[in-house]
Amino acid sequence: MSISGAFANALTGLGAAARRAEVVSSNVANAGTAGYGRRVLETSAQSVGGSGAGVHVDGVRRQVDPVLLGNRRLADAETAAADSRAAFHARLEQAIGIPGGGDSLADRLAALESSLIQATSRPDSQTRLGAVARAAGAVVETFNSISERIQTLRMEADRDIARQVGQLNSRLKMIDDLNMQIRTALSGGNDATGLMDQRQNVVDEIAEIVPLRVIQRARGEIAIYSPTGAVLLDGRPARFDFTPSNLIVPEMTLAGGGLSGLSVDGRPVATAGSRSAIAGGSLAAAFWQRDDAAVSAQANLDALARNLTERFQAPGLDPTLAAGAPGLFTDDGATFDPADETGLSERLRLNPAADPAQGGAAWRLRDGLGAAAPGPVGDSTLLESFAAALGENRAAASGGFSNVARSIGGLAGEFLSQTGHARQVAEAELGFARTKGDALRASELKGGVDTDQEMQTLLEVERAYSANARVIQTIDDLLDNLLRI
C-alpha cells in the first residue's frame, strides 16, 4: 500500500469514528425521549481500483422492533377504550347513587315507602301527608336527574367523537407530510431519522384513537391500516367526517337517524361490531357510550319509571279516579302510554292534584286524587293501598331486568347492581389492558437505548480514533524523514 493510500484510509477512519461518536452521543442524550429510535452507523469497506481506500459511511439506520411496536400500539388502543368504558360505568353508578347516602334512587324510594307507612298510622296528620307528597316529589326529581345525567353522558361522548375525529384527520395529514419530507431527505442522501422519530410519535397518538397496523413502503414511507383492513393512509390520508349534535334527548338514536354516524371518504362506516373500521380504540368507545351503553341505561331507567307509574295507575287502586285518568305518578301530567316509554323517566311528574307545590292538596293522598273535598280524616285505606302498591312484587315489563318479580325498591337495587357489576368488569379489563401495555412498553424500552452499551461503544470509537490518528502521525513522520534525505 502506498503512503497516499494509507493516508486516505486513515482519514476515512477518522471521519467514520467522528460520525460514530456523534451517533452514540445522540443515543445517550435521547435515552429517555419518547419515540426515539436507537441509531446505528452502518459502514462498509470502500475500494478504489482494487486497492484499499478506507471505510465508507453508508448511513444511519434507525433501530426499532416493528412487531413489538405494533403490539404496544394495539395495547394502547385497548387501554384507551377500557378506560372510557370504566369511566362511563363509574359515572352512571354515581348518578344512580349508592344506598345509604340519602339521595340515591333506592334511598328516595325507601323514604317514600316509610312516609306512607307513617301516614297510615296518622291519616289525619297534615304534616305526615305533606311528608308523603315531598317524598314522592323527591322520587320524581331523582328519576329526572338520573335521566338528565345519562343524556349529559351522551352529549359528552358526542363532543368527544367530534374532537377525536378532528384529531385523527389532522394527525393523518401530519403523517402524510412527514412521509413526503422523509422521502425527500432520503432521496437527497440526508439523514431522516429525526423525522421518523417525529412520525412515530404522531402514529402513537392515532393508535389510541383507532387501532392500527403500519406497513413499510419504499423510500422510507409508511402506510397505515386498521386491523380490519380499513385504509387510514396509503399514498394519501383518509378523510373522516362526523357532525356533532347541539342537543341529545332520549328519543334521538343513531339507528333512528337522529344522530350522526361516521363516514370515511364520504362512505358511511360501521361504528360498532368486530368488523368496524374503528373497532377497539377510544373513538369506538365514545360511540359505544353514546349509542349503546347510555341508551341501554336510559331504557332500564325508563322501564323502572314505567313500573312505578303503572303501580299507581292500576284500575281500582284509587276509586275516585275516572277510567284512564293518571295516577300518583304521571307522564308529564298525562296517563302513561306503554307505546311511548322512551324518555318516561325524564317526563315523570307527580300528580298536581296531590302536590301542594303545584297548587294541589296533600289530603288527596288520603281521600283520593279525584276527590273534590276532604273525606273522613281517620280513613287510611288509600294510603295503605299506596304502600302496598309500592311494595308489591312485580316483574319489569321492559328493559334489561330479570323476570323475577320484585318490589320497586328491589328493581331499583337490581338496576344499581347491574351497573356496579358492569363497572367492576370494566375496571378489571382496564387493569389487564394497562398491565399488558406496561409489559410491552418495558420490552420496547429494553430494546431501545442502553446507556451502558453506548458507553462501551464510545470506548471502541475512542480506540479506533486513536489508531487512525497514530497512522497519520506515522505517515507524517515518514514524510518528514524523506524530506530530510
Protein backbone atom coordinates (compact mmCIF):
# COMPACT_ATOMS: atom_id res chain seq x y z
CA MET A 1 0.00 0.00 0.00
CA SER A 2 1.32 3.45 -0.89
CA ILE A 3 1.75 6.23 1.64
CA SER A 4 -1.06 8.20 -0.01
CA GLY A 5 -3.35 5.14 0.18
CA ALA A 6 -2.58 4.63 3.84
CA PHE A 7 -3.19 8.31 4.49
CA ALA A 8 -6.57 8.13 2.72
CA ASN A 9 -7.53 5.05 4.71
CA ALA A 10 -6.70 6.75 8.00
CA LEU A 11 -8.62 9.89 7.09
CA THR A 12 -11.76 7.92 6.26
CA GLY A 13 -11.30 6.02 9.53
CA LEU A 14 -11.14 9.29 11.45
CA GLY A 15 -14.27 10.55 9.70
CA ALA A 16 -16.16 7.34 10.43
CA ALA A 17 -15.07 7.38 14.07
CA ALA A 18 -16.19 11.00 14.44
CA ARG A 19 -19.56 10.20 12.84
CA ARG A 20 -19.99 7.16 15.06
CA ALA A 21 -19.20 9.25 18.16
CA GLU A 22 -21.91 11.69 17.07
CA VAL A 23 -24.44 8.86 16.72
CA VAL A 24 -23.53 7.42 20.14
CA SER A 25 -23.84 10.81 21.83
CA SER A 26 -27.25 11.27 20.22
CA ASN A 27 -28.36 7.88 21.56
CA VAL A 28 -27.22 8.70 25.09
CA ALA A 29 -28.77 12.18 25.04
CA ASN A 30 -32.15 10.78 23.90
CA ALA A 31 -32.22 7.63 26.02
CA GLY A 32 -35.45 8.81 27.70
CA THR A 33 -37.02 10.61 24.74
CA ALA A 34 -40.42 9.24 23.69
CA GLY A 35 -40.45 7.87 20.16
CA TYR A 36 -36.68 7.94 19.79
CA GLY A 37 -35.27 5.01 17.84
CA ARG A 38 -31.71 3.97 18.58
CA ARG A 39 -29.29 4.96 15.82
CA VAL A 40 -26.70 2.62 14.36
CA LEU A 41 -23.98 3.82 11.99
CA GLU A 42 -23.66 1.50 9.03
CA THR A 43 -20.26 1.32 7.31
CA SER A 44 -18.60 -0.73 4.62
CA ALA A 45 -15.15 -1.11 3.08
CA GLN A 46 -14.64 1.09 0.10
CA SER A 47 -12.18 0.24 -2.60
CA VAL A 48 -10.83 2.24 -5.50
CA GLY A 49 -9.10 0.45 -8.41
CA GLY A 50 -8.79 -2.80 -6.43
CA SER A 51 -6.76 -1.21 -3.66
CA GLY A 52 -7.98 -0.44 -0.19
CA ALA A 53 -9.32 3.08 0.21
CA GLY A 54 -10.65 3.07 3.77
CA VAL A 55 -14.11 2.94 5.22
CA HIS A 56 -17.32 4.25 3.68
CA VAL A 57 -20.18 5.57 5.82
CA ASP A 58 -23.30 4.06 4.29
CA GLY A 59 -25.70 5.96 6.53
CA VAL A 60 -27.51 5.94 9.85
CA ARG A 61 -30.05 3.22 10.48
CA ARG A 62 -32.90 3.71 12.95
CA GLN A 63 -33.28 0.54 15.01
CA VAL A 64 -36.81 -0.41 16.16
CA ASP A 65 -38.75 -3.66 16.59
CA PRO A 66 -41.80 -3.22 14.31
CA VAL A 67 -43.64 -6.25 15.75
CA LEU A 68 -43.21 -5.12 19.35
CA LEU A 69 -44.09 -1.55 18.43
CA GLY A 70 -47.25 -2.70 16.65
CA ASN A 71 -48.37 -4.85 19.59
CA ARG A 72 -47.75 -2.00 22.02
CA ARG A 73 -49.90 0.31 19.90
CA LEU A 74 -52.74 -2.22 19.88
CA ALA A 75 -52.43 -2.42 23.67
CA ASP A 76 -52.60 1.39 23.89
CA ALA A 77 -55.85 1.35 21.91
CA GLU A 78 -57.26 -1.38 24.14
CA THR A 79 -56.31 0.58 27.26
CA ALA A 80 -57.88 3.81 25.97
CA ALA A 81 -61.14 2.00 25.16
CA ALA A 82 -61.24 0.17 28.50
CA ASP A 83 -60.57 3.41 30.37
CA SER A 84 -63.54 5.07 28.64
CA ARG A 85 -65.85 2.15 29.46
CA ALA A 86 -64.82 2.03 33.10
CA ALA A 87 -65.27 5.80 33.47
CA PHE A 88 -68.77 5.63 31.97
CA HIS A 89 -69.97 2.88 34.30
CA ALA A 90 -68.48 4.66 37.32
CA ARG A 91 -70.27 7.91 36.45
CA LEU A 92 -73.56 6.10 35.80
CA GLU A 93 -73.28 4.33 39.15
CA GLN A 94 -72.62 7.68 40.79
CA ALA A 95 -75.70 9.17 39.10
CA ILE A 96 -77.94 6.35 40.39
CA GLY A 97 -76.41 6.73 43.83
CA ILE A 98 -75.18 4.29 46.44
CA PRO A 99 -77.81 3.36 49.07
CA GLY A 100 -77.18 4.92 52.45
CA GLY A 101 -76.23 8.38 51.25
CA GLY A 102 -79.80 9.67 51.43
CA ASP A 103 -80.05 10.95 47.86
CA SER A 104 -79.79 7.73 45.85
CA LEU A 105 -82.74 6.34 43.91
CA ALA A 106 -83.07 3.45 46.36
CA ASP A 107 -82.98 5.87 49.31
CA ARG A 108 -85.70 8.06 47.76
CA LEU A 109 -87.97 5.07 47.15
CA ALA A 110 -87.36 3.80 50.69
CA ALA A 111 -88.17 7.26 52.07
CA LEU A 112 -91.46 7.28 50.13
CA GLU A 113 -92.41 3.87 51.48
CA SER A 114 -91.50 4.92 55.01
CA SER A 115 -93.55 8.13 54.75
CA LEU A 116 -96.60 6.16 53.51
CA ILE A 117 -96.33 3.73 56.42
CA GLN A 118 -96.10 6.61 58.90
CA ALA A 119 -99.07 8.37 57.28
CA THR A 120 -101.28 5.27 57.57
CA SER A 121 -100.89 5.39 61.35
CA ARG A 122 -101.97 9.06 61.46
CA PRO A 123 -104.01 9.78 58.34
CA ASP A 124 -105.36 12.94 59.98
CA SER A 125 -101.87 14.49 60.20
CA GLN A 126 -101.29 17.10 57.51
CA THR A 127 -97.61 17.02 58.41
CA ARG A 128 -97.34 13.33 57.55
CA LEU A 129 -99.41 13.72 54.40
CA GLY A 130 -97.16 16.58 53.37
CA ALA A 131 -94.13 14.35 54.01
CA VAL A 132 -95.58 11.76 51.62
CA ALA A 133 -96.02 14.44 48.93
CA ARG A 134 -92.48 15.67 49.40
CA ALA A 135 -91.06 12.12 49.35
CA ALA A 136 -92.99 11.35 46.14
CA GLY A 137 -91.71 14.60 44.62
CA ALA A 138 -88.15 13.65 45.57
CA VAL A 139 -88.57 10.31 43.77
CA VAL A 140 -89.69 12.16 40.64
CA GLU A 141 -86.76 14.59 40.85
CA THR A 142 -84.32 11.70 41.20
CA PHE A 143 -85.66 9.96 38.10
CA ASN A 144 -85.45 13.25 36.20
CA SER A 145 -81.92 13.90 37.45
CA ILE A 146 -80.59 10.46 36.51
CA SER A 147 -82.13 10.74 33.04
CA GLU A 148 -80.54 14.16 32.62
CA ARG A 149 -77.15 12.77 33.68
CA ILE A 150 -77.45 9.94 31.16
CA GLN A 151 -78.17 12.39 28.35
CA THR A 152 -75.24 14.52 29.55
CA LEU A 153 -73.01 11.47 29.20
CA ARG A 154 -74.29 11.02 25.66
CA MET A 155 -73.63 14.68 24.85
CA GLU A 156 -70.10 14.44 26.26
CA ALA A 157 -69.48 11.34 24.15
CA ASP A 158 -70.80 13.13 21.06
CA ARG A 159 -68.44 16.07 21.64
CA ASP A 160 -65.58 13.66 22.31
CA ILE A 161 -66.26 11.91 18.99
CA ALA A 162 -66.05 15.25 17.17
CA ARG A 163 -62.78 16.08 18.95
CA GLN A 164 -61.22 12.70 18.16
CA VAL A 165 -62.30 12.80 14.52
CA GLY A 166 -60.70 16.23 14.16
CA GLN A 167 -57.52 14.97 15.82
CA LEU A 168 -57.49 11.87 13.64
CA ASN A 169 -57.74 13.91 10.43
CA SER A 170 -55.03 16.35 11.48
CA ARG A 171 -52.63 13.60 12.57
CA LEU A 172 -53.10 11.62 9.35
CA LYS A 173 -52.31 14.80 7.41
CA MET A 174 -49.17 15.30 9.53
CA ILE A 175 -48.01 11.75 8.79
CA ASP A 176 -48.61 12.28 5.08
CA ASP A 177 -46.47 15.43 5.21
CA LEU A 178 -43.75 13.64 7.17
CA ASN A 179 -43.79 10.81 4.63
CA MET A 180 -43.05 13.34 1.90
CA GLN A 181 -40.27 15.01 3.94
CA ILE A 182 -38.65 11.64 4.71
CA ARG A 183 -38.81 10.61 1.07
CA THR A 184 -37.20 13.89 0.02
CA ALA A 185 -34.47 13.62 2.67
CA LEU A 186 -33.55 10.06 1.75
CA SER A 187 -33.59 10.83 -1.96
CA GLY A 188 -31.05 13.59 -1.30
CA GLY A 189 -28.84 11.29 0.77
CA ASN A 190 -29.67 13.12 4.02
CA ASP A 191 -30.41 11.71 7.47
CA ALA A 192 -34.18 11.30 8.02
CA THR A 193 -34.14 9.51 11.39
CA GLY A 194 -35.27 12.63 13.28
CA LEU A 195 -38.31 12.90 11.02
CA MET A 196 -39.00 9.20 11.59
CA ASP A 197 -38.97 9.76 15.36
CA GLN A 198 -41.48 12.56 14.96
CA ARG A 199 -43.65 10.39 12.73
CA GLN A 200 -43.61 7.56 15.26
CA ASN A 201 -44.92 9.89 17.97
CA VAL A 202 -47.76 11.04 15.72
CA VAL A 203 -48.64 7.44 14.84
CA ASP A 204 -48.70 6.62 18.56
CA GLU A 205 -51.28 9.38 19.09
CA ILE A 206 -53.52 7.91 16.39
CA ALA A 207 -53.09 4.39 17.79
CA GLU A 208 -55.08 5.30 20.92
CA ILE A 209 -57.97 6.62 18.84
CA VAL A 210 -58.10 3.83 16.26
CA PRO A 211 -56.12 0.55 16.44
CA LEU A 212 -53.74 0.35 13.51
CA ARG A 213 -51.09 -1.59 11.67
CA VAL A 214 -48.14 0.12 10.00
CA ILE A 215 -46.76 -1.18 6.71
CA GLN A 216 -43.37 -0.03 5.44
CA ARG A 217 -43.31 1.33 1.90
CA ALA A 218 -40.41 2.29 -0.38
CA ARG A 219 -38.22 5.33 0.28
CA GLY A 220 -38.97 5.39 3.99
CA GLU A 221 -42.71 5.98 3.70
CA ILE A 222 -45.36 4.10 5.66
CA ALA A 223 -48.97 3.07 5.06
CA ILE A 224 -51.49 2.72 7.89
CA TYR A 225 -54.40 0.28 8.04
CA SER A 226 -56.85 -0.68 10.76
CA PRO A 227 -56.74 -4.32 11.94
CA THR A 228 -59.96 -4.92 9.98
CA GLY A 229 -58.32 -3.72 6.74
CA ALA A 230 -59.69 -0.18 6.50
CA VAL A 231 -57.25 2.21 4.82
CA LEU A 232 -56.23 5.11 7.04
CA LEU A 233 -53.29 6.24 4.92
CA ASP A 234 -51.72 4.76 1.83
CA GLY A 235 -50.43 7.30 -0.63
CA ARG A 236 -52.92 9.81 0.78
CA PRO A 237 -54.74 10.14 4.12
CA ALA A 238 -58.35 9.02 4.50
CA ARG A 239 -60.88 11.72 5.43
CA PHE A 240 -63.13 11.06 8.46
CA ASP A 241 -66.36 13.04 8.78
CA PHE A 242 -68.75 13.47 11.70
CA THR A 243 -71.42 16.05 12.55
CA PRO A 244 -71.83 16.76 16.29
CA SER A 245 -75.26 17.44 17.83
CA ASN A 246 -76.17 20.54 19.82
CA LEU A 247 -78.67 18.64 21.95
CA ILE A 248 -79.41 14.97 22.62
CA VAL A 249 -82.68 13.69 24.07
CA PRO A 250 -83.61 10.07 24.86
CA GLU A 251 -85.57 9.68 21.62
CA MET A 252 -82.53 10.52 19.47
CA THR A 253 -80.56 7.47 18.31
CA LEU A 254 -78.09 6.61 15.58
CA ALA A 255 -80.38 3.88 14.23
CA GLY A 256 -83.29 6.32 14.08
CA GLY A 257 -81.27 8.89 12.15
CA GLY A 258 -81.31 11.45 14.93
CA LEU A 259 -77.56 11.34 15.47
CA SER A 260 -74.59 11.47 13.15
CA GLY A 261 -72.63 8.39 12.27
CA LEU A 262 -69.09 8.22 10.91
CA SER A 263 -68.05 8.33 7.28
CA VAL A 264 -64.66 7.75 5.65
CA ASP A 265 -64.03 9.46 2.32
CA GLY A 266 -67.77 10.07 2.02
CA ARG A 267 -68.80 6.46 2.69
CA PRO A 268 -70.65 5.58 5.94
CA VAL A 269 -68.82 3.03 8.09
CA ALA A 270 -69.99 0.88 10.99
CA THR A 271 -69.11 2.31 14.39
CA ALA A 272 -69.71 -0.91 16.32
CA GLY A 273 -69.00 -4.59 15.85
CA SER A 274 -65.84 -6.60 15.37
CA ARG A 275 -65.66 -5.67 11.67
CA SER A 276 -65.93 -1.94 12.27
CA ALA A 277 -63.14 0.18 10.77
CA ILE A 278 -62.57 1.79 14.19
CA ALA A 279 -63.19 -1.19 16.46
CA GLY A 280 -61.09 -1.28 19.61
CA GLY A 281 -59.93 2.28 20.27
CA SER A 282 -61.16 5.31 22.17
CA LEU A 283 -63.23 6.52 19.19
CA ALA A 284 -65.21 3.29 19.12
CA ALA A 285 -65.62 3.54 22.91
CA ALA A 286 -67.12 7.03 22.54
CA PHE A 287 -69.66 5.73 20.00
CA TRP A 288 -70.37 2.81 22.35
CA GLN A 289 -71.08 5.23 25.20
CA ARG A 290 -73.37 7.43 23.11
CA ASP A 291 -75.25 4.78 21.11
CA ASP A 292 -75.15 1.62 23.22
CA ALA A 293 -74.34 1.86 26.91
CA ALA A 294 -76.14 5.14 27.65
CA VAL A 295 -79.14 4.13 25.53
CA SER A 296 -79.40 0.83 27.44
CA ALA A 297 -79.12 2.68 30.76
CA GLN A 298 -81.89 5.07 29.70
CA ALA A 299 -84.07 2.12 28.65
CA ASN A 300 -83.61 0.47 32.05
CA LEU A 301 -84.38 3.71 33.87
CA ASP A 302 -87.49 4.23 31.73
CA ALA A 303 -88.56 0.64 32.45
CA LEU A 304 -88.19 1.35 36.16
CA ALA A 305 -90.23 4.56 35.83
CA ARG A 306 -92.87 2.62 33.91
CA ASN A 307 -93.06 0.01 36.64
CA LEU A 308 -93.52 2.73 39.25
CA THR A 309 -96.13 4.60 37.22
CA GLU A 310 -98.19 1.50 36.42
CA ARG A 311 -98.29 0.52 40.08
CA PHE A 312 -100.16 3.73 40.91
CA GLN A 313 -102.41 3.94 37.85
CA ALA A 314 -103.73 0.39 38.20
CA PRO A 315 -107.55 0.31 37.84
CA GLY A 316 -109.35 0.22 41.19
CA LEU A 317 -106.39 1.42 43.26
CA ASP A 318 -107.94 4.88 43.69
CA PRO A 319 -111.78 4.70 43.40
CA THR A 320 -112.02 8.49 42.95
CA LEU A 321 -110.19 8.43 39.62
CA ALA A 322 -112.08 8.21 36.35
CA ALA A 323 -111.16 5.45 33.92
CA GLY A 324 -107.96 6.32 32.09
CA ALA A 325 -107.03 9.15 34.49
CA PRO A 326 -103.40 9.40 35.61
CA GLY A 327 -102.35 8.05 39.00
CA LEU A 328 -99.98 9.45 41.59
CA PHE A 329 -97.11 9.44 39.08
CA THR A 330 -97.80 10.78 35.60
CA ASP A 331 -96.24 11.07 32.18
CA ASP A 332 -95.84 14.86 32.15
CA GLY A 333 -99.31 15.19 33.69
CA ALA A 334 -100.97 12.55 31.49
CA THR A 335 -101.64 8.83 31.80
CA PHE A 336 -98.68 6.70 30.81
CA ASP A 337 -98.96 5.01 27.41
CA PRO A 338 -96.77 1.86 27.07
CA ALA A 339 -96.23 2.73 23.39
CA ASP A 340 -94.38 5.89 24.46
CA GLU A 341 -91.97 4.57 27.06
CA THR A 342 -88.71 6.09 25.78
CA GLY A 343 -87.81 9.11 27.88
CA LEU A 344 -90.50 8.45 30.51
CA SER A 345 -88.05 8.93 33.38
CA GLU A 346 -87.33 12.42 32.04
CA ARG A 347 -91.06 13.23 31.73
CA LEU A 348 -92.08 11.67 35.06
CA ARG A 349 -94.13 14.08 37.19
CA LEU A 350 -96.08 13.99 40.45
CA ASN A 351 -99.84 14.32 40.00
CA PRO A 352 -100.57 18.03 40.57
CA ALA A 353 -103.76 17.19 42.49
CA ALA A 354 -101.68 15.85 45.40
CA ASP A 355 -98.75 18.23 45.15
CA PRO A 356 -99.01 21.43 47.20
CA ALA A 357 -96.09 22.87 45.21
CA GLN A 358 -98.28 22.71 42.07
CA GLY A 359 -101.42 24.08 43.74
CA GLY A 360 -102.77 20.69 44.84
CA ALA A 361 -103.58 19.40 48.31
CA ALA A 362 -101.82 16.69 50.31
CA TRP A 363 -105.13 15.46 51.79
CA ARG A 364 -105.93 13.90 48.39
CA LEU A 365 -103.28 11.29 49.19
CA ARG A 366 -105.70 10.11 51.87
CA ASP A 367 -109.08 10.83 50.28
CA GLY A 368 -108.35 10.22 46.59
CA LEU A 369 -106.67 12.11 43.77
CA GLY A 370 -110.06 12.76 42.18
CA ALA A 371 -111.79 13.83 45.41
CA ALA A 372 -113.44 17.25 45.32
CA ALA A 373 -113.41 17.72 49.10
CA PRO A 374 -111.71 16.19 52.14
CA GLY A 375 -113.22 12.98 53.48
CA PRO A 376 -113.03 11.26 56.89
CA VAL A 377 -109.65 12.17 58.39
CA GLY A 378 -109.27 8.77 60.03
CA ASP A 379 -109.60 6.73 56.82
CA SER A 380 -106.20 5.29 55.84
CA THR A 381 -107.48 2.86 53.19
CA LEU A 382 -105.96 4.67 50.19
CA LEU A 383 -102.65 5.28 51.97
CA GLU A 384 -102.45 1.57 52.78
CA SER A 385 -103.20 0.75 49.13
CA PHE A 386 -100.43 3.12 48.00
CA ALA A 387 -97.95 1.50 50.39
CA ALA A 388 -98.99 -1.97 49.23
CA ALA A 389 -98.61 -0.97 45.57
CA LEU A 390 -95.12 0.30 46.26
CA GLY A 391 -94.05 -2.93 47.94
CA GLU A 392 -95.90 -5.33 45.61
CA ASN A 393 -93.66 -7.83 43.81
CA ARG A 394 -93.97 -7.17 40.10
CA ALA A 395 -91.66 -8.09 37.22
CA ALA A 396 -90.43 -5.31 34.95
CA ALA A 397 -92.35 -5.28 31.66
CA SER A 398 -89.38 -3.92 29.71
CA GLY A 399 -85.69 -3.09 29.97
CA GLY A 400 -82.82 -5.40 30.74
CA PHE A 401 -84.16 -6.68 34.06
CA SER A 402 -84.59 -10.29 35.10
CA ASN A 403 -88.02 -11.89 35.08
CA VAL A 404 -88.06 -12.10 38.88
CA ALA A 405 -90.96 -10.23 40.46
CA ARG A 406 -89.69 -7.57 42.88
CA SER A 407 -90.84 -4.51 44.75
CA ILE A 408 -89.99 -1.17 43.19
CA GLY A 409 -87.11 -0.88 45.66
CA GLY A 410 -85.90 -4.33 44.63
CA LEU A 411 -85.96 -3.35 40.95
CA ALA A 412 -84.02 -0.19 41.74
CA GLY A 413 -81.48 -2.36 43.57
CA GLU A 414 -81.19 -4.65 40.54
CA PHE A 415 -80.60 -1.63 38.30
CA LEU A 416 -77.78 -0.43 40.56
CA SER A 417 -76.37 -3.96 40.88
CA GLN A 418 -76.19 -4.36 37.09
CA THR A 419 -74.40 -1.04 36.80
CA GLY A 420 -71.97 -1.87 39.61
CA HIS A 421 -71.19 -5.26 38.11
CA ALA A 422 -70.54 -3.69 34.71
CA ARG A 423 -68.19 -1.18 36.37
CA GLN A 424 -66.26 -3.95 38.12
CA VAL A 425 -65.90 -5.91 34.86
CA ALA A 426 -64.77 -2.78 33.02
CA GLU A 427 -62.21 -1.94 35.72
CA ALA A 428 -60.85 -5.50 35.59
CA GLU A 429 -60.50 -5.21 31.81
CA LEU A 430 -58.78 -1.85 32.25
CA GLY A 431 -56.34 -3.33 34.76
CA PHE A 432 -55.48 -6.17 32.38
CA ALA A 433 -55.04 -3.80 29.44
CA ARG A 434 -52.77 -1.50 31.44
CA THR A 435 -50.64 -4.40 32.65
CA LYS A 436 -50.30 -5.71 29.12
CA GLY A 437 -49.39 -2.27 27.80
CA ASP A 438 -46.84 -1.68 30.57
CA ALA A 439 -45.18 -5.02 29.86
CA LEU A 440 -44.92 -4.27 26.14
CA ARG A 441 -43.66 -0.78 26.84
CA ALA A 442 -40.99 -2.17 29.16
CA SER A 443 -39.90 -4.61 26.46
CA GLU A 444 -39.79 -1.76 23.97
CA LEU A 445 -37.58 0.30 26.28
CA LYS A 446 -35.36 -2.69 26.92
CA GLY A 447 -34.68 -2.96 23.20
CA GLY A 448 -34.02 0.77 22.91
CA VAL A 449 -31.03 2.78 24.06
CA ASP A 450 -28.82 1.03 26.63
CA THR A 451 -26.52 3.72 28.03
CA ASP A 452 -24.02 1.15 29.34
CA GLN A 453 -23.75 -0.39 25.90
CA GLU A 454 -23.41 3.05 24.33
CA MET A 455 -20.55 3.91 26.71
CA GLN A 456 -18.75 0.70 25.69
CA THR A 457 -19.28 1.63 22.06
CA LEU A 458 -17.82 5.05 22.78
CA LEU A 459 -14.66 3.38 24.14
CA GLU A 460 -14.38 1.43 20.90
CA VAL A 461 -14.76 4.66 18.97
CA GLU A 462 -12.02 6.25 21.05
CA ARG A 463 -9.64 3.36 20.31
CA ALA A 464 -10.42 3.46 16.58
CA TYR A 465 -9.91 7.20 16.51
CA SER A 466 -6.55 6.88 18.32
CA ALA A 467 -5.38 4.12 15.98
CA ASN A 468 -6.16 6.15 12.86
CA ALA A 469 -4.57 9.21 14.40
CA ARG A 470 -1.38 7.21 15.07
CA VAL A 471 -1.33 6.07 11.43
CA ILE A 472 -1.49 9.68 10.28
CA GLN A 473 1.22 10.65 12.76
CA THR A 474 3.42 7.82 11.50
CA ILE A 475 2.91 8.90 7.88
CA ASP A 476 3.76 12.45 8.87
CA ASP A 477 6.98 11.26 10.47
CA LEU A 478 7.89 9.21 7.37
CA LEU A 479 7.35 12.17 5.08
CA ASP A 480 9.49 14.37 7.34
CA ASN A 481 12.33 11.80 7.15
CA LEU A 482 12.02 11.56 3.39
CA LEU A 483 12.23 15.32 3.04
CA ARG A 484 15.41 15.42 5.13
CA ILE A 485 17.20 12.97 2.80
